[in-house]
Amino acid sequence: MISTIGIPTIDPALDREALETAGNLYDSAVACYAQGRDQQAESSFRRALYLFEKHEGPNHPDVAQVFINLAMIYEDRCEYGAAEQMYQLSLRVMEQTVDDGDTNIEQMRLGAWCRLGAIHRIRGEDGQAASFFHRTLAHAERIFGRDSMEVIEALNQLGMLGEYTGRFDEAEGYYYRALAVLQQWLGPDHPGLALIYHNLGGLEEEEGKR
């Protein structure tokens, strides 16, 4: 007979209660972040993270999502080293997760890659930024299609990178492709097109200085 001494008995009811608490903390953190209370948001995210890791395991998608939320807080504070670490941790979790093409996980992965690229762009590390953006675009096209909403952020980021590095024709191509996809999904007069139009306007201004 195998001894069970030292093996804890897991109470499913306690697990459910802990996960409900984690979910409530997560929702509270999201609300705090939306209201600009980033310190409270960070605290609640970290408490939720502890519970998710303990009761769902360190490689659960919920853990990856909390890392991404923490990374966004650090980005807002311009704490790019901390943000980069959180995005990398989220990707490490997703690499261990058997997702079987889960749409949410793929979108999380694309978002983390794109934000890592943006951090490298802000630091002036153009080659590393381009690598992340192209990886994001290729993966989005393969999983979701060339004209999916998932390609837009990578196209916009590649346009910004081209603009900042003086490759204006290349930037224009990326911006117009992003605009075409957005118009296809949202229509020609949707407010969501404003960012791309703004970036195109900035590009025309930069080109006018040449």
C-alpha atoms as a PDB file:
ATOM      1  CA  MET A   1       0.000   0.000   0.000  1.00  0.00           C
ATOM      2  CA  ILE A   2       1.312   3.426  -0.976  1.00  0.00           C
ATOM      3  CA  SER A   3       1.603   5.810   1.919  1.00  0.00           C
ATOM      4  CA  THR A   4      -0.259   9.117   1.557  1.00  0.00           C
ATOM      5  CA  ILE A   5       1.518  10.812   4.431  1.00  0.00           C
ATOM      6  CA  GLY A   6       2.662  14.287   3.421  1.00  0.00           C
ATOM      7  CA  ILE A   7       0.436  14.439   0.315  1.00  0.00           C
ATOM      8  CA  PRO A   8      -2.053  17.274   0.760  1.00  0.00           C
ATOM      9  CA  THR A   9      -5.719  16.705   0.082  1.00  0.00           C
ATOM     10  CA  ILE A  10      -7.043  19.280  -2.398  1.00  0.00           C
ATOM     11  CA  ASP A  11     -10.525  20.533  -1.676  1.00  0.00           C
ATOM     12  CA  PRO A  12     -12.205  21.374  -5.029  1.00  0.00           C
ATOM     13  CA  ALA A  13     -14.463  23.850  -3.261  1.00  0.00           C
ATOM     14  CA  LEU A  14     -11.441  25.779  -1.992  1.00  0.00           C
ATOM     15  CA  ASP A  15      -9.984  25.800  -5.506  1.00  0.00           C
ATOM     16  CA  ARG A  16     -13.186  27.221  -6.939  1.00  0.00           C
ATOM     17  CA  GLU A  17     -13.292  29.856  -4.222  1.00  0.00           C
ATOM     18  CA  ALA A  18      -9.676  30.850  -4.821  1.00  0.00           C
ATOM     19  CA  LEU A  19     -10.197  31.091  -8.583  1.00  0.00           C
ATOM     20  CA  GLU A  20     -13.335  33.163  -8.084  1.00  0.00           C
ATOM     21  CA  THR A  21     -11.295  35.497  -5.891  1.00  0.00           C
ATOM     22  CA  ALA A  22      -8.586  35.631  -8.584  1.00  0.00           C
ATOM     23  CA  GLY A  23     -11.178  36.486 -11.215  1.00  0.00           C
ATOM     24  CA  ASN A  24     -12.627  39.251  -9.063  1.00  0.00           C
ATOM     25  CA  LEU A  25      -9.159  40.667  -8.421  1.00  0.00           C
ATOM     26  CA  TYR A  26      -8.447  40.582 -12.150  1.00  0.00           C
ATOM     27  CA  ASP A  27     -11.690  42.412 -12.976  1.00  0.00           C
ATOM     28  CA  SER A  28     -10.953  44.988 -10.279  1.00  0.00           C
ATOM     29  CA  ALA A  29      -7.451  45.507 -11.689  1.00  0.00           C
ATOM     30  CA  VAL A  30      -8.818  46.052 -15.195  1.00  0.00           C
ATOM     31  CA  ALA A  31     -11.265  48.635 -13.854  1.00  0.00           C
ATOM     32  CA  CYS A  32      -8.522  50.427 -11.895  1.00  0.00           C
ATOM     33  CA  TYR A  33      -6.289  50.505 -14.969  1.00  0.00           C
ATOM     34  CA  ALA A  34      -9.093  52.011 -17.066  1.00  0.00           C
ATOM     35  CA  GLN A  35      -9.514  54.718 -14.419  1.00  0.00           C
ATOM     36  CA  GLY A  36      -5.787  55.536 -14.389  1.00  0.00           C
ATOM     37  CA  ARG A  37      -5.162  54.020 -10.942  1.00  0.00           C
ATOM     38  CA  ASP A  38      -2.169  52.011 -12.050  1.00  0.00           C
ATOM     39  CA  GLN A  39      -0.730  51.339  -8.576  1.00  0.00           C
ATOM     40  CA  GLN A  40      -3.941  49.674  -7.443  1.00  0.00           C
ATOM     41  CA  ALA A  41      -4.206  47.858 -10.751  1.00  0.00           C
ATOM     42  CA  GLU A  42      -0.685  46.491 -10.404  1.00  0.00           C
ATOM     43  CA  SER A  43      -1.348  45.301  -6.848  1.00  0.00           C
ATOM     44  CA  SER A  44      -4.570  43.520  -7.831  1.00  0.00           C
ATOM     45  CA  PHE A  45      -2.989  41.955 -10.914  1.00  0.00           C
ATOM     46  CA  ARG A  46      -0.145  40.577  -8.809  1.00  0.00           C
ATOM     47  CA  ARG A  47      -2.530  39.099  -6.242  1.00  0.00           C
ATOM     48  CA  ALA A  48      -4.566  37.537  -9.036  1.00  0.00           C
ATOM     49  CA  LEU A  49      -1.356  36.214 -10.596  1.00  0.00           C
ATOM     50  CA  TYR A  50      -0.381  34.468  -7.370  1.00  0.00           C
ATOM     51  CA  LEU A  51      -3.750  32.721  -7.164  1.00  0.00           C
ATOM     52  CA  PHE A  52      -3.835  31.762 -10.848  1.00  0.00           C
ATOM     53  CA  GLU A  53      -0.328  30.287 -10.655  1.00  0.00           C
ATOM     54  CA  LYS A  54      -1.143  28.397  -7.456  1.00  0.00           C
ATOM     55  CA  HIS A  55      -4.517  26.969  -8.491  1.00  0.00           C
ATOM     56  CA  GLU A  56      -4.300  26.712 -12.290  1.00  0.00           C
ATOM     57  CA  GLY A  57      -0.567  26.184 -12.680  1.00  0.00           C
ATOM     58  CA  PRO A  58       2.250  28.416 -13.970  1.00  0.00           C
ATOM     59  CA  ASN A  59       1.571  27.601 -17.641  1.00  0.00           C
ATOM     60  CA  HIS A  60      -2.109  28.486 -17.774  1.00  0.00           C
ATOM     61  CA  PRO A  61      -3.284  31.141 -20.285  1.00  0.00           C
ATOM     62  CA  ASP A  62      -4.706  33.221 -17.417  1.00  0.00           C
ATOM     63  CA  VAL A  63      -1.151  33.591 -16.104  1.00  0.00           C
ATOM     64  CA  ALA A  64       0.072  34.757 -19.510  1.00  0.00           C
ATOM     65  CA  GLN A  65      -2.738  37.301 -19.696  1.00  0.00           C
ATOM     66  CA  VAL A  66      -1.861  38.809 -16.319  1.00  0.00           C
ATOM     67  CA  PHE A  67       1.787  39.138 -17.386  1.00  0.00           C
ATOM     68  CA  ILE A  68       0.609  41.058 -20.454  1.00  0.00           C
ATOM     69  CA  ASN A  69      -1.529  43.380 -18.332  1.00  0.00           C
ATOM     70  CA  LEU A  70       1.387  44.068 -15.995  1.00  0.00           C
ATOM     71  CA  ALA A  71       3.588  44.756 -19.014  1.00  0.00           C
ATOM     72  CA  MET A  72       1.107  47.366 -20.253  1.00  0.00           C
ATOM     73  CA  ILE A  73       1.256  49.149 -16.897  1.00  0.00           C
ATOM     74  CA  TYR A  74       5.052  49.253 -17.016  1.00  0.00           C
ATOM     75  CA  GLU A  75       4.980  50.492 -20.619  1.00  0.00           C
ATOM     76  CA  ASP A  76       2.706  53.353 -19.585  1.00  0.00           C
ATOM     77  CA  ARG A  77       5.297  54.292 -16.948  1.00  0.00           C
ATOM     78  CA  CYS A  78       8.099  54.054 -19.545  1.00  0.00           C
ATOM     79  CA  GLU A  79       9.621  51.227 -17.494  1.00  0.00           C
ATOM     80  CA  TYR A  80      10.556  49.384 -20.657  1.00  0.00           C
ATOM     81  CA  GLY A  81      12.888  46.848 -19.071  1.00  0.00           C
ATOM     82  CA  ALA A  82      10.164  45.649 -16.713  1.00  0.00           C
ATOM     83  CA  ALA A  83       7.606  45.648 -19.520  1.00  0.00           C
ATOM     84  CA  GLU A  84       9.883  43.603 -21.759  1.00  0.00           C
ATOM     85  CA  GLN A  85      10.394  41.052 -18.981  1.00  0.00           C
ATOM     86  CA  MET A  86       6.628  40.665 -18.491  1.00  0.00           C
ATOM     87  CA  TYR A  87       5.996  40.197 -22.222  1.00  0.00           C
ATOM     88  CA  GLN A  88       8.761  37.593 -22.400  1.00  0.00           C
ATOM     89  CA  LEU A  89       7.276  35.765 -19.420  1.00  0.00           C
ATOM     90  CA  SER A  90       3.886  35.727 -21.092  1.00  0.00           C
ATOM     91  CA  LEU A  91       5.387  34.259 -24.262  1.00  0.00           C
ATOM     92  CA  ARG A  92       7.227  31.636 -22.229  1.00  0.00           C
ATOM     93  CA  VAL A  93       3.918  30.557 -20.689  1.00  0.00           C
ATOM     94  CA  MET A  94       2.255  30.395 -24.101  1.00  0.00           C
ATOM     95  CA  GLU A  95       5.080  28.265 -25.474  1.00  0.00           C
ATOM     96  CA  GLN A  96       4.310  25.703 -22.752  1.00  0.00           C
ATOM     97  CA  THR A  97       0.564  25.823 -23.306  1.00  0.00           C
ATOM     98  CA  VAL A  98      -1.053  23.267 -25.588  1.00  0.00           C
ATOM     99  CA  ASP A  99      -3.402  25.678 -27.328  1.00  0.00           C
ATOM    100  CA  ASP A 100      -4.467  23.666 -30.397  1.00  0.00           C
ATOM    101  CA  GLY A 101      -4.917  26.877 -32.361  1.00  0.00           C
ATOM    102  CA  ASP A 102      -6.909  28.634 -29.630  1.00  0.00           C
ATOM    103  CA  THR A 103      -7.809  32.057 -31.050  1.00  0.00           C
ATOM    104  CA  ASN A 104      -7.361  33.923 -27.761  1.00  0.00           C
ATOM    105  CA  ILE A 105      -3.876  32.538 -27.224  1.00  0.00           C
ATOM    106  CA  GLU A 106      -2.850  33.349 -30.793  1.00  0.00           C
ATOM    107  CA  GLN A 107      -4.077  36.925 -30.353  1.00  0.00           C
ATOM    108  CA  MET A 108      -2.221  37.219 -27.048  1.00  0.00           C
ATOM    109  CA  ARG A 109       0.934  35.935 -28.724  1.00  0.00           C
ATOM    110  CA  LEU A 110       0.611  38.456 -31.571  1.00  0.00           C
ATOM    111  CA  GLY A 111       0.032  41.272 -29.102  1.00  0.00           C
ATOM    112  CA  ALA A 112       3.091  40.381 -27.024  1.00  0.00           C
ATOM    113  CA  TRP A 113       5.336  40.176 -30.099  1.00  0.00           C
ATOM    114  CA  CYS A 114       4.065  43.497 -31.403  1.00  0.00           C
ATOM    115  CA  ARG A 115       4.564  45.275 -28.080  1.00  0.00           C
ATOM    116  CA  LEU A 116       8.086  43.872 -27.755  1.00  0.00           C
ATOM    117  CA  GLY A 117       8.774  45.261 -31.212  1.00  0.00           C
ATOM    118  CA  ALA A 118       7.414  48.638 -30.146  1.00  0.00           C
ATOM    119  CA  ILE A 119       9.710  48.678 -27.108  1.00  0.00           C
ATOM    120  CA  HIS A 120      12.707  47.989 -29.337  1.00  0.00           C
ATOM    121  CA  ARG A 121      11.555  50.741 -31.738  1.00  0.00           C
ATOM    122  CA  ILE A 122      11.313  53.252 -28.880  1.00  0.00           C
ATOM    123  CA  ARG A 123      14.843  52.305 -27.829  1.00  0.00           C
ATOM    124  CA  GLY A 124      16.109  52.848 -31.382  1.00  0.00           C
ATOM    125  CA  GLU A 125      16.820  49.130 -31.871  1.00  0.00           C
ATOM    126  CA  ASP A 126      15.350  49.136 -35.364  1.00  0.00           C
ATOM    127  CA  GLY A 127      16.554  45.718 -36.509  1.00  0.00           C
ATOM    128  CA  GLN A 128      15.092  43.926 -33.494  1.00  0.00           C
ATOM    129  CA  ALA A 129      11.870  45.912 -33.803  1.00  0.00           C
ATOM    130  CA  ALA A 130      11.503  44.971 -37.478  1.00  0.00           C
ATOM    131  CA  SER A 131      12.101  41.306 -36.641  1.00  0.00           C
ATOM    132  CA  PHE A 132       9.234  41.248 -34.131  1.00  0.00           C
ATOM    133  CA  PHE A 133       6.869  43.172 -36.432  1.00  0.00           C
ATOM    134  CA  HIS A 134       7.546  40.930 -39.429  1.00  0.00           C
ATOM    135  CA  ARG A 135       7.141  37.823 -37.256  1.00  0.00           C
ATOM    136  CA  THR A 136       3.826  39.186 -36.004  1.00  0.00           C
ATOM    137  CA  LEU A 137       2.597  39.993 -39.501  1.00  0.00           C
ATOM    138  CA  ALA A 138       3.592  36.628 -40.953  1.00  0.00           C
ATOM    139  CA  HIS A 139       1.971  34.727 -38.085  1.00  0.00           C
ATOM    140  CA  ALA A 140      -1.223  36.809 -38.256  1.00  0.00           C
ATOM    141  CA  GLU A 141      -1.486  36.231 -42.006  1.00  0.00           C
ATOM    142  CA  ARG A 142      -0.944  32.497 -41.624  1.00  0.00           C
ATOM    143  CA  ILE A 143      -3.390  31.992 -38.760  1.00  0.00           C
ATOM    144  CA  PHE A 144      -6.075  34.595 -39.480  1.00  0.00           C
ATOM    145  CA  GLY A 145      -5.582  35.614 -43.133  1.00  0.00           C
ATOM    146  CA  ARG A 146      -4.049  38.540 -45.033  1.00  0.00           C
ATOM    147  CA  ASP A 147      -7.141  40.718 -44.647  1.00  0.00           C
ATOM    148  CA  SER A 148      -7.916  39.951 -41.009  1.00  0.00           C
ATOM    149  CA  MET A 149      -8.122  42.524 -38.247  1.00  0.00           C
ATOM    150  CA  GLU A 150      -5.187  40.762 -36.593  1.00  0.00           C
ATOM    151  CA  VAL A 151      -2.734  42.065 -39.216  1.00  0.00           C
ATOM    152  CA  ILE A 152      -3.516  45.735 -38.643  1.00  0.00           C
ATOM    153  CA  GLU A 153      -1.317  46.467 -35.609  1.00  0.00           C
ATOM    154  CA  ALA A 154       1.738  44.880 -37.220  1.00  0.00           C
ATOM    155  CA  LEU A 155       1.141  46.846 -40.439  1.00  0.00           C
ATOM    156  CA  ASN A 156       0.755  50.083 -38.491  1.00  0.00           C
ATOM    157  CA  GLN A 157       3.904  49.412 -36.470  1.00  0.00           C
ATOM    158  CA  LEU A 158       5.875  48.608 -39.627  1.00  0.00           C
ATOM    159  CA  GLY A 159       4.605  51.853 -41.107  1.00  0.00           C
ATOM    160  CA  MET A 160       5.756  53.790 -38.049  1.00  0.00           C
ATOM    161  CA  LEU A 161       9.152  52.093 -38.140  1.00  0.00           C
ATOM    162  CA  GLY A 162       9.557  52.938 -41.818  1.00  0.00           C
ATOM    163  CA  GLU A 163       8.558  56.538 -41.166  1.00  0.00           C
ATOM    164  CA  TYR A 164      10.975  56.975 -38.261  1.00  0.00           C
ATOM    165  CA  THR A 165      13.844  55.479 -40.237  1.00  0.00           C
ATOM    166  CA  GLY A 166      13.221  57.548 -43.361  1.00  0.00           C
ATOM    167  CA  ARG A 167      11.830  54.741 -45.545  1.00  0.00           C
ATOM    168  CA  PHE A 168       8.768  56.759 -46.489  1.00  0.00           C
ATOM    169  CA  ASP A 169       7.578  54.765 -49.514  1.00  0.00           C
ATOM    170  CA  GLU A 170       7.722  51.566 -47.470  1.00  0.00           C
ATOM    171  CA  ALA A 171       5.867  53.214 -44.590  1.00  0.00           C
ATOM    172  CA  GLU A 172       3.176  54.509 -46.926  1.00  0.00           C
ATOM    173  CA  GLY A 173       2.588  51.026 -48.313  1.00  0.00           C
ATOM    174  CA  TYR A 174       2.084  49.556 -44.845  1.00  0.00           C
ATOM    175  CA  TYR A 175      -0.230  52.388 -43.756  1.00  0.00           C
ATOM    176  CA  TYR A 176      -2.416  52.119 -46.857  1.00  0.00           C
ATOM    177  CA  ARG A 177      -2.663  48.369 -46.516  1.00  0.00           C
ATOM    178  CA  ALA A 178      -3.731  48.745 -42.869  1.00  0.00           C
ATOM    179  CA  LEU A 179      -6.261  51.374 -43.935  1.00  0.00           C
ATOM    180  CA  ALA A 180      -7.712  49.105 -46.630  1.00  0.00           C
ATOM    181  CA  VAL A 181      -8.179  46.243 -44.161  1.00  0.00           C
ATOM    182  CA  LEU A 182      -9.816  48.535 -41.611  1.00  0.00           C
ATOM    183  CA  GLN A 183     -12.173  49.979 -44.221  1.00  0.00           C
ATOM    184  CA  GLN A 184     -13.124  46.478 -45.275  1.00  0.00           C
ATOM    185  CA  TRP A 185     -14.104  45.550 -41.711  1.00  0.00           C
ATOM    186  CA  LEU A 186     -15.390  48.856 -40.342  1.00  0.00           C
ATOM    187  CA  GLY A 187     -16.490  50.867 -43.359  1.00  0.00           C
ATOM    188  CA  PRO A 188     -14.968  54.064 -44.815  1.00  0.00           C
ATOM    189  CA  ASP A 189     -16.272  56.495 -42.181  1.00  0.00           C
ATOM    190  CA  HIS A 190     -15.638  54.618 -38.945  1.00  0.00           C
ATOM    191  CA  PRO A 191     -13.821  56.568 -36.152  1.00  0.00           C
ATOM    192  CA  GLY A 192     -11.436  53.614 -35.831  1.00  0.00           C
ATOM    193  CA  LEU A 193      -9.710  54.750 -39.031  1.00  0.00           C
ATOM    194  CA  ALA A 194      -8.537  57.996 -37.406  1.00  0.00           C
ATOM    195  CA  LEU A 195      -5.197  56.631 -36.167  1.00  0.00           C
ATOM    196  CA  ILE A 196      -4.132  55.422 -39.608  1.00  0.00           C
ATOM    197  CA  TYR A 197      -5.203  58.718 -41.207  1.00  0.00           C
ATOM    198  CA  HIS A 198      -3.242  60.557 -38.534  1.00  0.00           C
ATOM    199  CA  ASN A 199      -0.145  58.495 -39.259  1.00  0.00           C
ATOM    200  CA  LEU A 200      -0.537  59.070 -42.998  1.00  0.00           C
ATOM    201  CA  GLY A 201      -0.817  62.800 -42.331  1.00  0.00           C
ATOM    202  CA  GLY A 202       2.366  62.725 -40.274  1.00  0.00           C
ATOM    203  CA  LEU A 203       4.094  60.810 -43.043  1.00  0.00           C
ATOM    204  CA  GLU A 204       3.088  63.398 -45.641  1.00  0.00           C
ATOM    205  CA  GLU A 205       4.438  66.122 -43.354  1.00  0.00           C
ATOM    206  CA  GLU A 206       7.761  64.293 -43.006  1.00  0.00           C
ATOM    207  CA  GLU A 207       7.966  63.741 -46.765  1.00  0.00           C
ATOM    208  CA  GLY A 208       7.293  67.450 -47.312  1.00  0.00           C
ATOM    209  CA  LYS A 209      10.426  68.289 -45.305  1.00  0.00           C
ATOM    210  CA  ARG A 210      12.671  66.386 -47.676  1.00  0.00           C
END
